[in-house]
Amino acid sequence: MRSTSLDPVEGLLSAWFAANGRDLPWRRTKDPYAILVSEVMLQQTQVERVMPRYLDWLERWPTTQALAAASPADVIRAWQGLGYNRRALNLHRAACQVAAHGWPEDLTELPGVGRYTADAVSSFALGLPVLPVDTNVRRVQERTGYSFGPESGQALMDLGATICLARIPRCDSCPLADHCASRGRRYEPLRKQSRFEGSFRQRRAQTLRMVAGGARSLGELDAEAVAALERDGLVRQADGLVALPA
């Protein structure tokens, strides 16, 4: 990739972001816990769905200590509707670890925290010089051929989410169009995620929703879904009853 040492492209990107950047609640804080909550919620969930749930979550559990003191069952109930419920348990486990031992130097040591999430917390909360590379950032880098600096992280995410779209980028509205080697290209449709309706994921979600309302006998539930949820630590069985973890 070409160097941006002279900064012409990043300057254009920065000016565009100043005028068009999204006003997102997690961009108004440097609290690593709040940033971690937002990043975990945003994994495979749309921004519009996350925003109100993020605010509700932080109102209920404003610190790692507060979340660590909650029960796994309460955390799972609060997560209902965001999908991929293992994220809730991982977030709770991470809070427990931080509350007990502090933030590790290597954030990937926290449950459920991979390279991107660790870099996002490091950059957006801790101010470390690292560029978090998610799908949107990678797309812009690959299409433009530029290697952007850490300060461009939020701007690249917004450009990828709103302008440099996966299939049909909006090149006419892109501030980097004159410097982009891929200007005007169209791309093959990405492989879509399998349908939720009628899927095993839906069966799992329905089963967990039922158990979240109170312990149920195994006979009332989808046994295969219960087994999968139990393997993930989302439910437990005892004396013929299925319940959320204590």
C-alpha atoms as a PDB file:
ATOM      1  CA  MET A   1       0.000   0.000   0.000  1.00  0.00           C
ATOM      2  CA  ARG A   2       1.086   3.599  -0.534  1.00  0.00           C
ATOM      3  CA  SER A   3       2.268   5.650   2.396  1.00  0.00           C
ATOM      4  CA  THR A   4       0.161   8.552   3.670  1.00  0.00           C
ATOM      5  CA  SER A   5       3.157  10.444   5.073  1.00  0.00           C
ATOM      6  CA  LEU A   6       2.093  13.590   3.180  1.00  0.00           C
ATOM      7  CA  ASP A   7      -1.449  13.127   4.448  1.00  0.00           C
ATOM      8  CA  PRO A   8      -3.460  14.349   1.413  1.00  0.00           C
ATOM      9  CA  VAL A   9      -5.921  11.474   1.544  1.00  0.00           C
ATOM     10  CA  GLU A  10      -6.265  11.437   5.318  1.00  0.00           C
ATOM     11  CA  GLY A  11      -6.811  15.183   5.238  1.00  0.00           C
ATOM     12  CA  LEU A  12      -9.748  14.732   2.866  1.00  0.00           C
ATOM     13  CA  LEU A  13     -11.108  11.923   4.992  1.00  0.00           C
ATOM     14  CA  SER A  14     -10.799  13.990   8.168  1.00  0.00           C
ATOM     15  CA  ALA A  15     -12.643  16.945   6.627  1.00  0.00           C
ATOM     16  CA  TRP A  16     -15.422  14.657   5.401  1.00  0.00           C
ATOM     17  CA  PHE A  17     -15.735  13.045   8.832  1.00  0.00           C
ATOM     18  CA  ALA A  18     -15.931  16.415  10.570  1.00  0.00           C
ATOM     19  CA  ALA A  19     -18.973  17.262   8.454  1.00  0.00           C
ATOM     20  CA  ASN A  20     -20.584  13.838   8.116  1.00  0.00           C
ATOM     21  CA  GLY A  21     -19.501  11.654  11.032  1.00  0.00           C
ATOM     22  CA  ARG A  22     -22.254   9.806  12.853  1.00  0.00           C
ATOM     23  CA  ASP A  23     -23.212  11.046  16.321  1.00  0.00           C
ATOM     24  CA  LEU A  24     -23.020   7.793  18.291  1.00  0.00           C
ATOM     25  CA  PRO A  25     -23.266   7.660  22.093  1.00  0.00           C
ATOM     26  CA  TRP A  26     -20.127   5.565  22.549  1.00  0.00           C
ATOM     27  CA  ARG A  27     -18.132   8.284  20.804  1.00  0.00           C
ATOM     28  CA  ARG A  28     -18.841  10.636  23.711  1.00  0.00           C
ATOM     29  CA  THR A  29     -16.819   8.648  26.237  1.00  0.00           C
ATOM     30  CA  LYS A  30     -13.294   7.405  26.840  1.00  0.00           C
ATOM     31  CA  ASP A  31     -14.393   4.839  29.433  1.00  0.00           C
ATOM     32  CA  PRO A  32     -12.900   1.486  28.350  1.00  0.00           C
ATOM     33  CA  TYR A  33     -15.823  -0.404  29.877  1.00  0.00           C
ATOM     34  CA  ALA A  34     -18.396   1.636  27.937  1.00  0.00           C
ATOM     35  CA  ILE A  35     -16.396   1.215  24.734  1.00  0.00           C
ATOM     36  CA  LEU A  36     -16.145  -2.538  25.332  1.00  0.00           C
ATOM     37  CA  VAL A  37     -19.912  -2.777  25.839  1.00  0.00           C
ATOM     38  CA  SER A  38     -20.536  -0.957  22.558  1.00  0.00           C
ATOM     39  CA  GLU A  39     -18.066  -3.074  20.602  1.00  0.00           C
ATOM     40  CA  VAL A  40     -19.473  -6.355  21.900  1.00  0.00           C
ATOM     41  CA  MET A  41     -23.038  -5.248  21.171  1.00  0.00           C
ATOM     42  CA  LEU A  42     -22.076  -4.128  17.658  1.00  0.00           C
ATOM     43  CA  GLN A  43     -20.712  -7.538  16.721  1.00  0.00           C
ATOM     44  CA  GLN A  44     -23.215  -8.722  14.076  1.00  0.00           C
ATOM     45  CA  THR A  45     -25.907  -6.278  15.248  1.00  0.00           C
ATOM     46  CA  GLN A  46     -26.932  -3.065  13.471  1.00  0.00           C
ATOM     47  CA  VAL A  47     -26.060   0.303  14.966  1.00  0.00           C
ATOM     48  CA  GLU A  48     -29.709   1.413  15.100  1.00  0.00           C
ATOM     49  CA  ARG A  49     -30.668  -1.590  17.216  1.00  0.00           C
ATOM     50  CA  VAL A  50     -27.693  -1.208  19.506  1.00  0.00           C
ATOM     51  CA  MET A  51     -28.003   2.467  20.453  1.00  0.00           C
ATOM     52  CA  PRO A  52     -31.039   2.309  22.798  1.00  0.00           C
ATOM     53  CA  ARG A  53     -29.897  -0.996  24.306  1.00  0.00           C
ATOM     54  CA  TYR A  54     -26.417   0.393  24.930  1.00  0.00           C
ATOM     55  CA  LEU A  55     -27.833   3.366  26.836  1.00  0.00           C
ATOM     56  CA  ASP A  56     -30.163   1.145  28.881  1.00  0.00           C
ATOM     57  CA  TRP A  57     -27.308  -1.236  29.689  1.00  0.00           C
ATOM     58  CA  LEU A  58     -25.023   1.515  30.975  1.00  0.00           C
ATOM     59  CA  GLU A  59     -27.816   3.040  33.004  1.00  0.00           C
ATOM     60  CA  ARG A  60     -28.334  -0.318  34.726  1.00  0.00           C
ATOM     61  CA  TRP A  61     -24.671  -1.369  34.936  1.00  0.00           C
ATOM     62  CA  PRO A  62     -22.502   1.776  34.598  1.00  0.00           C
ATOM     63  CA  THR A  63     -19.207   0.146  35.614  1.00  0.00           C
ATOM     64  CA  THR A  64     -17.399  -3.168  35.339  1.00  0.00           C
ATOM     65  CA  GLN A  65     -17.953  -3.640  39.057  1.00  0.00           C
ATOM     66  CA  ALA A  66     -21.689  -3.176  38.658  1.00  0.00           C
ATOM     67  CA  LEU A  67     -21.877  -5.686  35.811  1.00  0.00           C
ATOM     68  CA  ALA A  68     -19.640  -8.164  37.636  1.00  0.00           C
ATOM     69  CA  ALA A  69     -22.020  -8.065  40.603  1.00  0.00           C
ATOM     70  CA  ALA A  70     -24.986  -8.980  38.404  1.00  0.00           C
ATOM     71  CA  SER A  71     -26.102 -12.568  37.950  1.00  0.00           C
ATOM     72  CA  PRO A  72     -25.556 -14.281  34.613  1.00  0.00           C
ATOM     73  CA  ALA A  73     -29.324 -14.768  34.444  1.00  0.00           C
ATOM     74  CA  ASP A  74     -30.007 -11.023  34.702  1.00  0.00           C
ATOM     75  CA  VAL A  75     -27.366 -10.325  32.059  1.00  0.00           C
ATOM     76  CA  ILE A  76     -28.884 -12.835  29.655  1.00  0.00           C
ATOM     77  CA  ARG A  77     -32.368 -11.396  30.205  1.00  0.00           C
ATOM     78  CA  ALA A  78     -31.108  -7.875  29.538  1.00  0.00           C
ATOM     79  CA  TRP A  79     -29.484  -9.052  26.311  1.00  0.00           C
ATOM     80  CA  GLN A  80     -32.640 -10.587  24.845  1.00  0.00           C
ATOM     81  CA  GLY A  81     -33.310  -9.314  21.321  1.00  0.00           C
ATOM     82  CA  LEU A  82     -29.693  -8.488  20.462  1.00  0.00           C
ATOM     83  CA  GLY A  83     -28.930 -12.020  19.306  1.00  0.00           C
ATOM     84  CA  TYR A  84     -25.849 -14.210  19.706  1.00  0.00           C
ATOM     85  CA  ASN A  85     -26.413 -14.452  23.443  1.00  0.00           C
ATOM     86  CA  ARG A  86     -22.972 -15.892  24.166  1.00  0.00           C
ATOM     87  CA  ARG A  87     -21.758 -12.329  23.779  1.00  0.00           C
ATOM     88  CA  ALA A  88     -23.659 -11.402  26.938  1.00  0.00           C
ATOM     89  CA  LEU A  89     -21.977 -14.115  28.973  1.00  0.00           C
ATOM     90  CA  ASN A  90     -18.561 -13.220  27.597  1.00  0.00           C
ATOM     91  CA  LEU A  91     -19.125  -9.558  28.466  1.00  0.00           C
ATOM     92  CA  HIS A  92     -20.153 -10.544  31.987  1.00  0.00           C
ATOM     93  CA  ARG A  93     -17.108 -12.792  32.370  1.00  0.00           C
ATOM     94  CA  ALA A  94     -14.857 -10.015  31.094  1.00  0.00           C
ATOM     95  CA  ALA A  95     -16.345  -7.608  33.647  1.00  0.00           C
ATOM     96  CA  CYS A  96     -15.760 -10.125  36.410  1.00  0.00           C
ATOM     97  CA  GLN A  97     -12.128 -10.492  35.366  1.00  0.00           C
ATOM     98  CA  VAL A  98     -11.555  -6.732  35.184  1.00  0.00           C
ATOM     99  CA  ALA A  99     -13.322  -6.122  38.496  1.00  0.00           C
ATOM    100  CA  ALA A 100     -11.105  -8.704  40.178  1.00  0.00           C
ATOM    101  CA  HIS A 101      -7.763  -8.058  38.486  1.00  0.00           C
ATOM    102  CA  GLY A 102      -7.962  -4.781  36.557  1.00  0.00           C
ATOM    103  CA  TRP A 103      -7.591  -4.296  32.812  1.00  0.00           C
ATOM    104  CA  PRO A 104      -4.968  -6.636  31.364  1.00  0.00           C
ATOM    105  CA  GLU A 105      -2.185  -5.222  29.243  1.00  0.00           C
ATOM    106  CA  ASP A 106      -3.261  -7.607  26.472  1.00  0.00           C
ATOM    107  CA  LEU A 107      -7.010  -7.101  26.148  1.00  0.00           C
ATOM    108  CA  THR A 108      -7.390 -10.306  24.131  1.00  0.00           C
ATOM    109  CA  GLU A 109      -6.987 -12.115  27.457  1.00  0.00           C
ATOM    110  CA  LEU A 110     -10.558 -11.059  28.265  1.00  0.00           C
ATOM    111  CA  PRO A 111     -13.336 -13.537  27.380  1.00  0.00           C
ATOM    112  CA  GLY A 112     -14.816 -12.904  23.949  1.00  0.00           C
ATOM    113  CA  VAL A 113     -12.317 -10.156  23.065  1.00  0.00           C
ATOM    114  CA  GLY A 114     -10.524 -10.727  19.767  1.00  0.00           C
ATOM    115  CA  ARG A 115      -7.954  -8.626  17.961  1.00  0.00           C
ATOM    116  CA  TYR A 116     -10.365  -6.071  16.509  1.00  0.00           C
ATOM    117  CA  THR A 117     -12.257  -5.478  19.778  1.00  0.00           C
ATOM    118  CA  ALA A 118      -8.999  -5.174  21.717  1.00  0.00           C
ATOM    119  CA  ASP A 119      -7.697  -2.628  19.212  1.00  0.00           C
ATOM    120  CA  ALA A 120     -10.958  -0.654  19.305  1.00  0.00           C
ATOM    121  CA  VAL A 121     -10.841  -0.317  23.097  1.00  0.00           C
ATOM    122  CA  SER A 122      -7.128   0.501  22.963  1.00  0.00           C
ATOM    123  CA  SER A 123      -7.657   3.207  20.346  1.00  0.00           C
ATOM    124  CA  PHE A 124     -10.995   4.780  21.256  1.00  0.00           C
ATOM    125  CA  ALA A 125     -10.733   4.538  25.048  1.00  0.00           C
ATOM    126  CA  LEU A 126      -7.043   4.379  25.898  1.00  0.00           C
ATOM    127  CA  GLY A 127      -5.714   6.562  23.091  1.00  0.00           C
ATOM    128  CA  LEU A 128      -3.094   4.076  21.934  1.00  0.00           C
ATOM    129  CA  PRO A 129      -1.732   4.470  18.380  1.00  0.00           C
ATOM    130  CA  VAL A 130      -3.445   1.487  16.821  1.00  0.00           C
ATOM    131  CA  LEU A 131      -5.925   1.338  13.933  1.00  0.00           C
ATOM    132  CA  PRO A 132      -8.843  -1.031  14.652  1.00  0.00           C
ATOM    133  CA  VAL A 133      -9.510  -2.870  11.406  1.00  0.00           C
ATOM    134  CA  ASP A 134     -13.084  -4.055  11.031  1.00  0.00           C
ATOM    135  CA  THR A 135     -14.862  -5.012   7.811  1.00  0.00           C
ATOM    136  CA  ASN A 136     -15.522  -1.395   6.838  1.00  0.00           C
ATOM    137  CA  VAL A 137     -11.974  -0.221   7.503  1.00  0.00           C
ATOM    138  CA  ARG A 138     -10.470  -3.143   5.602  1.00  0.00           C
ATOM    139  CA  ARG A 139     -12.756  -2.496   2.624  1.00  0.00           C
ATOM    140  CA  VAL A 140     -11.713   1.158   2.323  1.00  0.00           C
ATOM    141  CA  GLN A 141      -8.037   0.300   2.680  1.00  0.00           C
ATOM    142  CA  GLU A 142      -8.170  -2.419   0.059  1.00  0.00           C
ATOM    143  CA  ARG A 143     -10.127  -0.338  -2.449  1.00  0.00           C
ATOM    144  CA  THR A 144      -8.108   2.856  -2.098  1.00  0.00           C
ATOM    145  CA  GLY A 145      -4.739   1.158  -1.721  1.00  0.00           C
ATOM    146  CA  TYR A 146      -3.838   3.469   1.172  1.00  0.00           C
ATOM    147  CA  SER A 147      -2.579   2.565   4.615  1.00  0.00           C
ATOM    148  CA  PHE A 148      -4.294   4.898   7.071  1.00  0.00           C
ATOM    149  CA  GLY A 149      -3.061   5.987  10.478  1.00  0.00           C
ATOM    150  CA  PRO A 150      -4.686   5.293  13.863  1.00  0.00           C
ATOM    151  CA  GLU A 151      -6.412   8.687  13.971  1.00  0.00           C
ATOM    152  CA  SER A 152      -8.551   7.723  10.977  1.00  0.00           C
ATOM    153  CA  GLY A 153     -10.327   4.803  12.629  1.00  0.00           C
ATOM    154  CA  GLN A 154     -13.750   6.333  13.275  1.00  0.00           C
ATOM    155  CA  ALA A 155     -13.775   8.131   9.937  1.00  0.00           C
ATOM    156  CA  LEU A 156     -12.944   4.952   8.010  1.00  0.00           C
ATOM    157  CA  MET A 157     -15.712   3.080   9.806  1.00  0.00           C
ATOM    158  CA  ASP A 158     -18.257   5.716   8.858  1.00  0.00           C
ATOM    159  CA  LEU A 159     -17.022   5.933   5.272  1.00  0.00           C
ATOM    160  CA  GLY A 160     -17.276   2.170   4.890  1.00  0.00           C
ATOM    161  CA  ALA A 161     -20.687   2.022   6.534  1.00  0.00           C
ATOM    162  CA  THR A 162     -22.312   4.854   4.581  1.00  0.00           C
ATOM    163  CA  ILE A 163     -20.360   5.478   1.345  1.00  0.00           C
ATOM    164  CA  CYS A 164     -17.911   2.715   0.455  1.00  0.00           C
ATOM    165  CA  LEU A 165     -20.582   0.035   0.591  1.00  0.00           C
ATOM    166  CA  ALA A 166     -19.864  -3.628   0.037  1.00  0.00           C
ATOM    167  CA  ARG A 167     -21.565  -4.122  -3.324  1.00  0.00           C
ATOM    168  CA  ILE A 168     -22.304  -0.737  -4.908  1.00  0.00           C
ATOM    169  CA  PRO A 169     -20.139   2.003  -3.401  1.00  0.00           C
ATOM    170  CA  ARG A 170     -21.391   5.572  -3.648  1.00  0.00           C
ATOM    171  CA  CYS A 171     -18.318   6.864  -5.429  1.00  0.00           C
ATOM    172  CA  ASP A 172     -19.986  10.147  -6.437  1.00  0.00           C
ATOM    173  CA  SER A 173     -20.280  11.040  -2.748  1.00  0.00           C
ATOM    174  CA  CYS A 174     -16.898   9.753  -1.640  1.00  0.00           C
ATOM    175  CA  PRO A 175     -14.276  12.300  -0.530  1.00  0.00           C
ATOM    176  CA  LEU A 176     -11.518   9.907  -1.639  1.00  0.00           C
ATOM    177  CA  ALA A 177     -12.883   9.158  -5.109  1.00  0.00           C
ATOM    178  CA  ASP A 178     -10.195  11.105  -6.980  1.00  0.00           C
ATOM    179  CA  HIS A 179      -7.499   9.119  -5.155  1.00  0.00           C
ATOM    180  CA  CYS A 180      -9.174   5.698  -5.310  1.00  0.00           C
ATOM    181  CA  ALA A 181      -7.906   3.012  -7.653  1.00  0.00           C
ATOM    182  CA  SER A 182     -11.288   1.249  -7.478  1.00  0.00           C
ATOM    183  CA  ARG A 183     -13.519   4.189  -8.329  1.00  0.00           C
ATOM    184  CA  GLY A 184     -16.605   3.139 -10.264  1.00  0.00           C
ATOM    185  CA  ARG A 185     -16.255  -0.591  -9.632  1.00  0.00           C
ATOM    186  CA  ARG A 186     -19.172  -2.773  -8.664  1.00  0.00           C
ATOM    187  CA  TYR A 187     -18.807  -5.941  -6.639  1.00  0.00           C
ATOM    188  CA  GLU A 188     -20.414  -9.345  -6.515  1.00  0.00           C
ATOM    189  CA  PRO A 189     -23.069  -9.824  -3.819  1.00  0.00           C
ATOM    190  CA  LEU A 190     -21.626 -11.125  -0.582  1.00  0.00           C
ATOM    191  CA  ARG A 191     -22.814 -14.497   0.627  1.00  0.00           C
ATOM    192  CA  LYS A 192     -25.813 -13.776   2.775  1.00  0.00           C
ATOM    193  CA  GLN A 193     -26.250 -15.235   6.226  1.00  0.00           C
ATOM    194  CA  SER A 194     -28.695 -18.119   6.287  1.00  0.00           C
ATOM    195  CA  ARG A 195     -32.306 -17.204   6.977  1.00  0.00           C
ATOM    196  CA  PHE A 196     -33.194 -16.802  10.640  1.00  0.00           C
ATOM    197  CA  GLU A 197     -36.822 -17.790  10.101  1.00  0.00           C
ATOM    198  CA  GLY A 198     -37.163 -21.539  10.580  1.00  0.00           C
ATOM    199  CA  SER A 199     -33.478 -21.964  11.441  1.00  0.00           C
ATOM    200  CA  PHE A 200     -31.883 -23.666  14.413  1.00  0.00           C
ATOM    201  CA  ARG A 201     -30.776 -20.216  15.557  1.00  0.00           C
ATOM    202  CA  GLN A 202     -34.428 -19.258  15.800  1.00  0.00           C
ATOM    203  CA  ARG A 203     -35.192 -22.402  17.785  1.00  0.00           C
ATOM    204  CA  ARG A 204     -32.389 -21.571  20.195  1.00  0.00           C
ATOM    205  CA  ALA A 205     -33.630 -18.001  20.561  1.00  0.00           C
ATOM    206  CA  GLN A 206     -37.204 -19.094  21.202  1.00  0.00           C
ATOM    207  CA  THR A 207     -36.099 -21.662  23.756  1.00  0.00           C
ATOM    208  CA  LEU A 208     -33.897 -19.193  25.601  1.00  0.00           C
ATOM    209  CA  ARG A 209     -36.708 -16.644  25.626  1.00  0.00           C
ATOM    210  CA  MET A 210     -39.025 -19.184  27.239  1.00  0.00           C
ATOM    211  CA  VAL A 211     -36.473 -20.099  29.897  1.00  0.00           C
ATOM    212  CA  ALA A 212     -35.721 -16.425  30.553  1.00  0.00           C
ATOM    213  CA  GLY A 213     -39.325 -16.055  31.670  1.00  0.00           C
ATOM    214  CA  GLY A 214     -38.861 -18.734  34.329  1.00  0.00           C
ATOM    215  CA  ALA A 215     -37.647 -22.294  34.775  1.00  0.00           C
ATOM    216  CA  ARG A 216     -39.338 -24.800  32.460  1.00  0.00           C
ATOM    217  CA  SER A 217     -39.507 -28.561  32.405  1.00  0.00           C
ATOM    218  CA  LEU A 218     -37.426 -30.141  29.677  1.00  0.00           C
ATOM    219  CA  GLY A 219     -40.571 -31.704  28.209  1.00  0.00           C
ATOM    220  CA  GLU A 220     -41.947 -28.244  27.387  1.00  0.00           C
ATOM    221  CA  LEU A 221     -38.864 -27.271  25.426  1.00  0.00           C
ATOM    222  CA  ASP A 222     -36.926 -28.081  22.285  1.00  0.00           C
ATOM    223  CA  ALA A 223     -34.476 -30.633  23.695  1.00  0.00           C
ATOM    224  CA  GLU A 224     -31.932 -30.151  20.917  1.00  0.00           C
ATOM    225  CA  ALA A 225     -31.938 -26.389  21.437  1.00  0.00           C
ATOM    226  CA  VAL A 226     -31.626 -26.865  25.201  1.00  0.00           C
ATOM    227  CA  ALA A 227     -28.554 -29.066  24.701  1.00  0.00           C
ATOM    228  CA  ALA A 228     -26.911 -26.440  22.499  1.00  0.00           C
ATOM    229  CA  LEU A 229     -27.720 -23.641  24.937  1.00  0.00           C
ATOM    230  CA  GLU A 230     -26.372 -25.678  27.823  1.00  0.00           C
ATOM    231  CA  ARG A 231     -23.088 -26.278  26.001  1.00  0.00           C
ATOM    232  CA  ASP A 232     -22.732 -22.509  25.653  1.00  0.00           C
ATOM    233  CA  GLY A 233     -23.449 -21.954  29.342  1.00  0.00           C
ATOM    234  CA  LEU A 234     -26.697 -20.104  28.641  1.00  0.00           C
ATOM    235  CA  VAL A 235     -28.965 -22.513  30.518  1.00  0.00           C
ATOM    236  CA  ARG A 236     -28.574 -25.260  33.111  1.00  0.00           C
ATOM    237  CA  GLN A 237     -30.579 -28.377  33.890  1.00  0.00           C
ATOM    238  CA  ALA A 238     -31.367 -29.702  37.339  1.00  0.00           C
ATOM    239  CA  ASP A 239     -34.118 -32.045  38.569  1.00  0.00           C
ATOM    240  CA  GLY A 240     -35.810 -32.052  35.199  1.00  0.00           C
ATOM    241  CA  LEU A 241     -35.989 -28.269  35.017  1.00  0.00           C
ATOM    242  CA  VAL A 242     -34.194 -25.936  32.633  1.00  0.00           C
ATOM    243  CA  ALA A 243     -33.246 -22.491  33.960  1.00  0.00           C
ATOM    244  CA  LEU A 244     -30.862 -19.646  33.320  1.00  0.00           C
ATOM    245  CA  PRO A 245     -27.476 -19.979  35.044  1.00  0.00           C
ATOM    246  CA  ALA A 246     -27.447 -18.835  38.654  1.00  0.00           C
END
